[in-house]
Amino acid sequence: MMSESMFVGMLVLFWLAEFAFGAIVIYWFVRQGFADEGTASGTDFPLEDSKLTKQSLGIWGLFFLAIVIGIVVGA
């Protein structure tokens, strides 16, 4: 059986991991999508349009919101 403090610690670790992953995803989208077109980015492929980047960020936001709602409603 797991103690209550270990359970709470695991929940905190889960939320930290989820927010860290979300931060990495947002950083990647912003870094790839909002760079200036004329600057050298060190990549061999063109950067995506900022409109597509914002749409992708919105989809990710809805995904994480659905996860949070699922956890809150399920608890």
C-alpha atoms as a PDB file:
ATOM      1  CA  MET A   1       0.000   0.000   0.000  1.00  0.00           C
ATOM      2  CA  MET A   2       1.216   3.498  -0.821  1.00  0.00           C
ATOM      3  CA  SER A   3       1.308   6.212   1.821  1.00  0.00           C
ATOM      4  CA  GLU A   4      -0.611   9.433   1.320  1.00  0.00           C
ATOM      5  CA  SER A   5       2.543  11.555   1.214  1.00  0.00           C
ATOM      6  CA  MET A   6       4.072   9.325  -1.482  1.00  0.00           C
ATOM      7  CA  PHE A   7       0.849   9.569  -3.499  1.00  0.00           C
ATOM      8  CA  VAL A   8       0.823  13.371  -3.235  1.00  0.00           C
ATOM      9  CA  GLY A   9       4.510  13.441  -4.164  1.00  0.00           C
ATOM     10  CA  MET A  10       3.809  11.353  -7.252  1.00  0.00           C
ATOM     11  CA  LEU A  11       0.967  13.689  -8.242  1.00  0.00           C
ATOM     12  CA  VAL A  12       3.253  16.701  -7.883  1.00  0.00           C
ATOM     13  CA  LEU A  13       5.906  14.954  -9.962  1.00  0.00           C
ATOM     14  CA  PHE A  14       3.312  14.127 -12.634  1.00  0.00           C
ATOM     15  CA  TRP A  15       2.128  17.750 -12.873  1.00  0.00           C
ATOM     16  CA  LEU A  16       5.692  19.061 -13.005  1.00  0.00           C
ATOM     17  CA  ALA A  17       6.510  16.632 -15.808  1.00  0.00           C
ATOM     18  CA  GLU A  18       3.366  17.621 -17.710  1.00  0.00           C
ATOM     19  CA  PHE A  19       4.080  21.344 -17.451  1.00  0.00           C
ATOM     20  CA  ALA A  20       7.730  20.802 -18.398  1.00  0.00           C
ATOM     21  CA  PHE A  21       6.654  18.886 -21.489  1.00  0.00           C
ATOM     22  CA  GLY A  22       4.170  21.625 -22.361  1.00  0.00           C
ATOM     23  CA  ALA A  23       6.878  24.254 -21.958  1.00  0.00           C
ATOM     24  CA  ILE A  24       9.188  22.305 -24.274  1.00  0.00           C
ATOM     25  CA  VAL A  25       6.443  21.976 -26.886  1.00  0.00           C
ATOM     26  CA  ILE A  26       5.630  25.697 -26.718  1.00  0.00           C
ATOM     27  CA  TYR A  27       9.331  26.596 -26.901  1.00  0.00           C
ATOM     28  CA  TRP A  28       9.760  24.401 -29.972  1.00  0.00           C
ATOM     29  CA  PHE A  29       6.735  25.876 -31.745  1.00  0.00           C
ATOM     30  CA  VAL A  30       7.747  29.443 -30.965  1.00  0.00           C
ATOM     31  CA  ARG A  31      11.364  28.809 -31.923  1.00  0.00           C
ATOM     32  CA  GLN A  32      10.445  27.133 -35.220  1.00  0.00           C
ATOM     33  CA  GLY A  33       7.461  29.248 -36.205  1.00  0.00           C
ATOM     34  CA  PHE A  34       8.159  32.805 -35.115  1.00  0.00           C
ATOM     35  CA  ALA A  35      11.755  33.215 -36.267  1.00  0.00           C
ATOM     36  CA  ASP A  36      12.497  35.924 -38.785  1.00  0.00           C
ATOM     37  CA  GLU A  37      12.441  34.707 -42.345  1.00  0.00           C
ATOM     38  CA  GLY A  38      15.716  36.376 -43.251  1.00  0.00           C
ATOM     39  CA  THR A  39      17.814  34.983 -40.405  1.00  0.00           C
ATOM     40  CA  ALA A  40      19.801  31.817 -40.612  1.00  0.00           C
ATOM     41  CA  SER A  41      18.262  29.280 -38.268  1.00  0.00           C
ATOM     42  CA  GLY A  42      20.752  26.482 -38.811  1.00  0.00           C
ATOM     43  CA  THR A  43      18.144  24.284 -40.482  1.00  0.00           C
ATOM     44  CA  ASP A  44      17.756  23.146 -44.056  1.00  0.00           C
ATOM     45  CA  PHE A  45      13.972  23.441 -44.133  1.00  0.00           C
ATOM     46  CA  PRO A  46      11.801  26.577 -44.273  1.00  0.00           C
ATOM     47  CA  LEU A  47      10.143  27.813 -41.096  1.00  0.00           C
ATOM     48  CA  GLU A  48       6.394  27.391 -40.791  1.00  0.00           C
ATOM     49  CA  ASP A  49       3.992  30.288 -41.007  1.00  0.00           C
ATOM     50  CA  SER A  50       3.144  32.054 -37.728  1.00  0.00           C
ATOM     51  CA  LYS A  51      -0.589  31.465 -38.346  1.00  0.00           C
ATOM     52  CA  LEU A  52      -0.013  27.710 -38.471  1.00  0.00           C
ATOM     53  CA  THR A  53       2.130  27.935 -35.337  1.00  0.00           C
ATOM     54  CA  LYS A  54      -0.607  29.734 -33.408  1.00  0.00           C
ATOM     55  CA  GLN A  55      -3.152  27.161 -34.569  1.00  0.00           C
ATOM     56  CA  SER A  56      -0.889  24.321 -33.414  1.00  0.00           C
ATOM     57  CA  LEU A  57      -0.378  25.990 -30.031  1.00  0.00           C
ATOM     58  CA  GLY A  58      -4.139  26.331 -29.680  1.00  0.00           C
ATOM     59  CA  ILE A  59      -4.622  22.637 -30.385  1.00  0.00           C
ATOM     60  CA  TRP A  60      -1.968  21.735 -27.797  1.00  0.00           C
ATOM     61  CA  GLY A  61      -3.651  24.057 -25.294  1.00  0.00           C
ATOM     62  CA  LEU A  62      -6.981  22.324 -25.842  1.00  0.00           C
ATOM     63  CA  PHE A  63      -5.284  18.944 -25.448  1.00  0.00           C
ATOM     64  CA  PHE A  64      -3.802  19.876 -22.069  1.00  0.00           C
ATOM     65  CA  LEU A  65      -7.072  21.494 -21.003  1.00  0.00           C
ATOM     66  CA  ALA A  66      -8.889  18.251 -21.812  1.00  0.00           C
ATOM     67  CA  ILE A  67      -6.385  16.344 -19.691  1.00  0.00           C
ATOM     68  CA  VAL A  68      -6.884  18.725 -16.752  1.00  0.00           C
ATOM     69  CA  ILE A  69     -10.681  18.569 -17.062  1.00  0.00           C
ATOM     70  CA  GLY A  70     -10.532  14.771 -17.238  1.00  0.00           C
ATOM     71  CA  ILE A  71      -8.448  14.625 -14.080  1.00  0.00           C
ATOM     72  CA  VAL A  72     -10.625  17.106 -12.164  1.00  0.00           C
ATOM     73  CA  VAL A  73     -13.917  15.472 -13.213  1.00  0.00           C
ATOM     74  CA  GLY A  74     -12.533  11.985 -12.593  1.00  0.00           C
ATOM     75  CA  ALA A  75     -11.332  12.825  -9.081  1.00  0.00           C
END
